[in-house]
Amino acid sequence: MLSHFVLMVVYALQVSLFFTVLWRRTRRAQIRLFLQLFLGMVGGGLLLAWLMFPFPAGPPGPTP
């Protein structure tokens, strides 16, 4: 079974590769852009998850 994290990493990998090949010509520029995009997406996803952690995941409980 795939976890959300693995799916996020696979998605970030595919999108980063696509835009790297599309936007840059030299190998050095491609590697730099790939790392920026990949780490930005994975790091941004983890940061967003960390910021949302304190909030409840489900609907509020019944009020007595």
C-alpha atoms as a PDB file:
ATOM      1  CA  MET A   1       0.000   0.000   0.000  1.00  0.00           C
ATOM      2  CA  LEU A   2       1.346   3.407  -0.942  1.00  0.00           C
ATOM      3  CA  SER A   3       1.470   6.159   1.614  1.00  0.00           C
ATOM      4  CA  HIS A   4       0.625   9.786   0.967  1.00  0.00           C
ATOM      5  CA  PHE A   5       4.277  10.719   1.371  1.00  0.00           C
ATOM      6  CA  VAL A   6       5.450   8.256  -1.293  1.00  0.00           C
ATOM      7  CA  LEU A   7       2.769   9.482  -3.686  1.00  0.00           C
ATOM      8  CA  MET A   8       3.790  13.095  -3.020  1.00  0.00           C
ATOM      9  CA  VAL A   9       7.449  12.286  -3.735  1.00  0.00           C
ATOM     10  CA  VAL A  10       6.578  10.437  -6.964  1.00  0.00           C
ATOM     11  CA  TYR A  11       4.391  13.349  -8.109  1.00  0.00           C
ATOM     12  CA  ALA A  12       7.103  15.896  -7.271  1.00  0.00           C
ATOM     13  CA  LEU A  13       9.670  13.786  -9.125  1.00  0.00           C
ATOM     14  CA  GLN A  14       7.559  13.560 -12.281  1.00  0.00           C
ATOM     15  CA  VAL A  15       6.575  17.227 -12.339  1.00  0.00           C
ATOM     16  CA  SER A  16      10.137  18.359 -11.629  1.00  0.00           C
ATOM     17  CA  LEU A  17      11.549  16.189 -14.409  1.00  0.00           C
ATOM     18  CA  PHE A  18       8.955  17.419 -16.891  1.00  0.00           C
ATOM     19  CA  PHE A  19       9.494  21.118 -16.226  1.00  0.00           C
ATOM     20  CA  THR A  20      13.265  20.714 -16.036  1.00  0.00           C
ATOM     21  CA  VAL A  21      13.429  19.172 -19.509  1.00  0.00           C
ATOM     22  CA  LEU A  22      10.928  21.701 -20.843  1.00  0.00           C
ATOM     23  CA  TRP A  23      12.525  24.877 -19.469  1.00  0.00           C
ATOM     24  CA  ARG A  24      16.317  24.357 -19.381  1.00  0.00           C
ATOM     25  CA  ARG A  25      18.852  23.344 -22.037  1.00  0.00           C
ATOM     26  CA  THR A  26      22.185  22.887 -20.259  1.00  0.00           C
ATOM     27  CA  ARG A  27      22.769  19.946 -17.930  1.00  0.00           C
ATOM     28  CA  ARG A  28      23.934  22.152 -15.038  1.00  0.00           C
ATOM     29  CA  ALA A  29      20.856  24.384 -15.275  1.00  0.00           C
ATOM     30  CA  GLN A  30      18.606  21.320 -15.486  1.00  0.00           C
ATOM     31  CA  ILE A  31      20.067  19.772 -12.344  1.00  0.00           C
ATOM     32  CA  ARG A  32      19.797  23.047 -10.445  1.00  0.00           C
ATOM     33  CA  LEU A  33      16.177  23.629 -11.481  1.00  0.00           C
ATOM     34  CA  PHE A  34      15.242  20.004 -10.775  1.00  0.00           C
ATOM     35  CA  LEU A  35      16.603  20.223  -7.235  1.00  0.00           C
ATOM     36  CA  GLN A  36      14.876  23.541  -6.614  1.00  0.00           C
ATOM     37  CA  LEU A  37      11.512  22.284  -7.855  1.00  0.00           C
ATOM     38  CA  PHE A  38      11.710  18.851  -6.227  1.00  0.00           C
ATOM     39  CA  LEU A  39      12.909  20.044  -2.834  1.00  0.00           C
ATOM     40  CA  GLY A  40      10.493  22.968  -2.939  1.00  0.00           C
ATOM     41  CA  MET A  41       7.486  20.734  -3.562  1.00  0.00           C
ATOM     42  CA  VAL A  42       8.431  18.036  -1.048  1.00  0.00           C
ATOM     43  CA  GLY A  43       9.598  20.560   1.551  1.00  0.00           C
ATOM     44  CA  GLY A  44       6.532  22.727   0.994  1.00  0.00           C
ATOM     45  CA  GLY A  45       4.240  19.733   1.411  1.00  0.00           C
ATOM     46  CA  LEU A  46       5.941  18.713   4.646  1.00  0.00           C
ATOM     47  CA  LEU A  47       5.849  22.287   5.938  1.00  0.00           C
ATOM     48  CA  LEU A  48       2.150  22.584   5.145  1.00  0.00           C
ATOM     49  CA  ALA A  49       1.454  19.246   6.867  1.00  0.00           C
ATOM     50  CA  TRP A  50       3.396  20.400   9.923  1.00  0.00           C
ATOM     51  CA  LEU A  51       1.441  23.674  10.046  1.00  0.00           C
ATOM     52  CA  MET A  52      -1.910  21.848   9.779  1.00  0.00           C
ATOM     53  CA  PHE A  53      -1.031  19.208  12.406  1.00  0.00           C
ATOM     54  CA  PRO A  54      -2.477  21.065  15.448  1.00  0.00           C
ATOM     55  CA  PHE A  55      -5.909  21.423  13.835  1.00  0.00           C
ATOM     56  CA  PRO A  56      -8.471  18.634  14.231  1.00  0.00           C
ATOM     57  CA  ALA A  57      -8.875  16.291  11.276  1.00  0.00           C
ATOM     58  CA  GLY A  58     -12.582  15.559  11.543  1.00  0.00           C
ATOM     59  CA  PRO A  59     -15.798  17.428  12.160  1.00  0.00           C
ATOM     60  CA  PRO A  60     -16.325  18.912  15.605  1.00  0.00           C
ATOM     61  CA  GLY A  61     -17.846  16.682  18.244  1.00  0.00           C
ATOM     62  CA  PRO A  62     -21.414  17.077  19.468  1.00  0.00           C
ATOM     63  CA  THR A  63     -22.051  19.915  21.875  1.00  0.00           C
ATOM     64  CA  PRO A  64     -23.826  18.773  25.059  1.00  0.00           C
END
